Amino acid sequence: QVHIVESGGDLVQPGGSLRVSCVVSGLTFSTNVIGWYRQAPGRQRELVAFIRTDGTPTYADSATGRFTISRDNAKNMVDLQMNNLKPEDTAVYYCNAPLGSGRWGQGTQVTVSS
């Protein structure tokens, strides 16, 4: 059974940085594409970024140039480094493993506010 745990969410000021992490168990991590999504209040869940098995990333337009996704197959972990955060980045951030599956963690809250 796939188990996903996100962590690292926090309150941060606009322009600040934050790293959120996702640890996945119950699947062969290295052979799966992993994604980060987010959901703001009153809005649909949206894809932020995903990372392929070879480490190649893809980003949503809103994340390009500010966010970096990375993976550590030895730790079954995917990180999302977020820089130059904006109030509109406020959301619960979720890990999706494998990408496109119905498997999600509990999410981690990121709040960008002064």
C-alpha atoms as a PDB file:
ATOM      1  CA  GLN A   1       0.000   0.000   0.000  1.00  0.00           C
ATOM      2  CA  VAL A   2       1.338   3.406  -0.994  1.00  0.00           C
ATOM      3  CA  HIS A   3       1.963   5.781   1.899  1.00  0.00           C
ATOM      4  CA  ILE A   4       2.806   9.440   1.306  1.00  0.00           C
ATOM      5  CA  VAL A   5       3.908  11.971   3.904  1.00  0.00           C
ATOM      6  CA  GLU A   6       4.429  15.648   3.115  1.00  0.00           C
ATOM      7  CA  SER A   7       6.220  18.054   5.433  1.00  0.00           C
ATOM      8  CA  GLY A   8       7.857  21.444   5.587  1.00  0.00           C
ATOM      9  CA  GLY A   9       4.920  23.773   5.217  1.00  0.00           C
ATOM     10  CA  ASP A  10       5.080  27.020   7.148  1.00  0.00           C
ATOM     11  CA  LEU A  11       4.181  30.691   7.282  1.00  0.00           C
ATOM     12  CA  VAL A  12       6.604  32.746   5.225  1.00  0.00           C
ATOM     13  CA  GLN A  13       6.762  36.376   4.160  1.00  0.00           C
ATOM     14  CA  PRO A  14       6.387  37.421   0.528  1.00  0.00           C
ATOM     15  CA  GLY A  15       9.708  37.086  -1.242  1.00  0.00           C
ATOM     16  CA  GLY A  16      10.831  34.364   1.134  1.00  0.00           C
ATOM     17  CA  SER A  17      11.797  30.759   0.495  1.00  0.00           C
ATOM     18  CA  LEU A  18      10.583  27.411   1.707  1.00  0.00           C
ATOM     19  CA  ARG A  19      11.307  23.750   0.993  1.00  0.00           C
ATOM     20  CA  VAL A  20       8.606  21.132   1.252  1.00  0.00           C
ATOM     21  CA  SER A  21       9.346  17.427   1.186  1.00  0.00           C
ATOM     22  CA  CYS A  22       7.477  14.250   0.354  1.00  0.00           C
ATOM     23  CA  VAL A  23       8.460  10.750   1.436  1.00  0.00           C
ATOM     24  CA  VAL A  24       6.830   7.837  -0.365  1.00  0.00           C
ATOM     25  CA  SER A  25       6.714   4.181   0.609  1.00  0.00           C
ATOM     26  CA  GLY A  26       4.950   1.143  -0.776  1.00  0.00           C
ATOM     27  CA  LEU A  27       6.075   1.431  -4.381  1.00  0.00           C
ATOM     28  CA  THR A  28       9.267   1.177  -6.391  1.00  0.00           C
ATOM     29  CA  PHE A  29      10.099   4.832  -6.018  1.00  0.00           C
ATOM     30  CA  SER A  30      12.862   5.095  -8.614  1.00  0.00           C
ATOM     31  CA  THR A  31      10.631   3.861 -11.443  1.00  0.00           C
ATOM     32  CA  ASN A  32       7.778   6.282 -10.834  1.00  0.00           C
ATOM     33  CA  VAL A  33       7.081   9.856 -11.860  1.00  0.00           C
ATOM     34  CA  ILE A  34       6.191  11.977  -8.818  1.00  0.00           C
ATOM     35  CA  GLY A  35       4.256  15.217  -8.745  1.00  0.00           C
ATOM     36  CA  TRP A  36       3.551  18.154  -6.474  1.00  0.00           C
ATOM     37  CA  TYR A  37       0.084  19.715  -6.555  1.00  0.00           C
ATOM     38  CA  ARG A  38      -1.468  22.508  -4.544  1.00  0.00           C
ATOM     39  CA  GLN A  39      -4.969  23.540  -3.600  1.00  0.00           C
ATOM     40  CA  ALA A  40      -5.919  27.002  -2.442  1.00  0.00           C
ATOM     41  CA  PRO A  41      -9.196  27.684  -0.615  1.00  0.00           C
ATOM     42  CA  GLY A  42     -12.103  27.662  -3.023  1.00  0.00           C
ATOM     43  CA  ARG A  43      -9.993  26.533  -5.939  1.00  0.00           C
ATOM     44  CA  GLN A  44      -9.320  23.257  -7.705  1.00  0.00           C
ATOM     45  CA  ARG A  45      -6.192  21.275  -7.039  1.00  0.00           C
ATOM     46  CA  GLU A  46      -3.536  22.207  -9.607  1.00  0.00           C
ATOM     47  CA  LEU A  47      -0.292  20.663 -10.744  1.00  0.00           C
ATOM     48  CA  VAL A  48       2.789  22.621  -9.678  1.00  0.00           C
ATOM     49  CA  ALA A  49       5.604  20.402 -10.918  1.00  0.00           C
ATOM     50  CA  PHE A  50       6.538  16.820 -11.576  1.00  0.00           C
ATOM     51  CA  ILE A  51       9.784  14.933 -11.912  1.00  0.00           C
ATOM     52  CA  ARG A  52      10.477  12.006 -14.185  1.00  0.00           C
ATOM     53  CA  THR A  53      12.437   8.900 -13.316  1.00  0.00           C
ATOM     54  CA  ASP A  54      15.571  10.337 -14.922  1.00  0.00           C
ATOM     55  CA  GLY A  55      15.263  13.516 -12.848  1.00  0.00           C
ATOM     56  CA  THR A  56      13.905  15.710 -15.639  1.00  0.00           C
ATOM     57  CA  PRO A  57      11.425  18.248 -14.242  1.00  0.00           C
ATOM     58  CA  THR A  58       8.389  19.969 -15.676  1.00  0.00           C
ATOM     59  CA  TYR A  59       6.819  23.057 -14.104  1.00  0.00           C
ATOM     60  CA  ALA A  60       3.546  24.888 -14.280  1.00  0.00           C
ATOM     61  CA  ASP A  61       3.853  28.426 -15.620  1.00  0.00           C
ATOM     62  CA  SER A  62       3.257  29.780 -12.119  1.00  0.00           C
ATOM     63  CA  ALA A  63       6.258  27.848 -10.790  1.00  0.00           C
ATOM     64  CA  THR A  64       8.733  28.318 -13.617  1.00  0.00           C
ATOM     65  CA  GLY A  65      11.791  30.247 -12.565  1.00  0.00           C
ATOM     66  CA  ARG A  66      10.889  30.216  -8.867  1.00  0.00           C
ATOM     67  CA  PHE A  67      10.414  26.570  -7.888  1.00  0.00           C
ATOM     68  CA  THR A  68      12.777  23.618  -8.200  1.00  0.00           C
ATOM     69  CA  ILE A  69      11.714  20.004  -7.859  1.00  0.00           C
ATOM     70  CA  SER A  70      14.259  17.313  -7.053  1.00  0.00           C
ATOM     71  CA  ARG A  71      14.297  13.682  -6.061  1.00  0.00           C
ATOM     72  CA  ASP A  72      16.489  11.428  -3.924  1.00  0.00           C
ATOM     73  CA  ASN A  73      15.810   7.822  -4.852  1.00  0.00           C
ATOM     74  CA  ALA A  74      17.910   6.533  -1.960  1.00  0.00           C
ATOM     75  CA  LYS A  75      15.543   8.271   0.477  1.00  0.00           C
ATOM     76  CA  ASN A  76      12.313   7.850  -1.508  1.00  0.00           C
ATOM     77  CA  MET A  77      11.962  11.596  -1.279  1.00  0.00           C
ATOM     78  CA  VAL A  78      10.885  14.425  -3.562  1.00  0.00           C
ATOM     79  CA  ASP A  79      11.538  18.033  -2.551  1.00  0.00           C
ATOM     80  CA  LEU A  80      10.055  21.240  -3.834  1.00  0.00           C
ATOM     81  CA  GLN A  81      12.224  24.295  -3.246  1.00  0.00           C
ATOM     82  CA  MET A  82      10.161  27.456  -3.521  1.00  0.00           C
ATOM     83  CA  ASN A  83      11.804  30.862  -3.853  1.00  0.00           C
ATOM     84  CA  ASN A  84      10.425  34.365  -4.214  1.00  0.00           C
ATOM     85  CA  LEU A  85       7.138  33.227  -2.741  1.00  0.00           C
ATOM     86  CA  LYS A  86       3.998  35.246  -3.402  1.00  0.00           C
ATOM     87  CA  PRO A  87       0.704  35.466  -1.509  1.00  0.00           C
ATOM     88  CA  GLU A  88      -0.939  33.587  -4.361  1.00  0.00           C
ATOM     89  CA  ASP A  89       1.291  30.587  -3.577  1.00  0.00           C
ATOM     90  CA  THR A  90      -0.681  30.108  -0.372  1.00  0.00           C
ATOM     91  CA  ALA A  91      -2.203  26.636  -0.506  1.00  0.00           C
ATOM     92  CA  VAL A  92      -2.056  23.119   0.825  1.00  0.00           C
ATOM     93  CA  TYR A  93       0.673  21.313  -1.091  1.00  0.00           C
ATOM     94  CA  TYR A  94       0.200  17.639  -1.925  1.00  0.00           C
ATOM     95  CA  CYS A  95       2.436  14.931  -3.283  1.00  0.00           C
ATOM     96  CA  ASN A  96       1.004  12.585  -5.915  1.00  0.00           C
ATOM     97  CA  ALA A  97       2.700   9.237  -6.352  1.00  0.00           C
ATOM     98  CA  PRO A  98       2.676   7.931  -8.949  1.00  0.00           C
ATOM     99  CA  LEU A  99       1.731  11.037 -10.956  1.00  0.00           C
ATOM    100  CA  GLY A 100      -1.847  10.742 -12.151  1.00  0.00           C
ATOM    101  CA  SER A 101      -2.828   8.149  -9.585  1.00  0.00           C
ATOM    102  CA  GLY A 102      -5.391   8.645  -6.877  1.00  0.00           C
ATOM    103  CA  ARG A 103      -2.767   8.414  -4.181  1.00  0.00           C
ATOM    104  CA  TRP A 104      -2.161  11.509  -2.085  1.00  0.00           C
ATOM    105  CA  GLY A 105      -0.650  12.461   1.216  1.00  0.00           C
ATOM    106  CA  GLN A 106      -2.336  14.566   3.858  1.00  0.00           C
ATOM    107  CA  GLY A 107      -0.776  17.732   2.494  1.00  0.00           C
ATOM    108  CA  THR A 108       1.303  20.470   4.071  1.00  0.00           C
ATOM    109  CA  GLN A 109       0.107  24.060   4.500  1.00  0.00           C
ATOM    110  CA  VAL A 110       2.115  26.870   2.948  1.00  0.00           C
ATOM    111  CA  THR A 111       1.022  30.379   3.853  1.00  0.00           C
ATOM    112  CA  VAL A 112       2.654  33.418   2.297  1.00  0.00           C
ATOM    113  CA  SER A 113       1.739  36.551   4.181  1.00  0.00           C
ATOM    114  CA  SER A 114       3.286  39.568   5.812  1.00  0.00           C
END
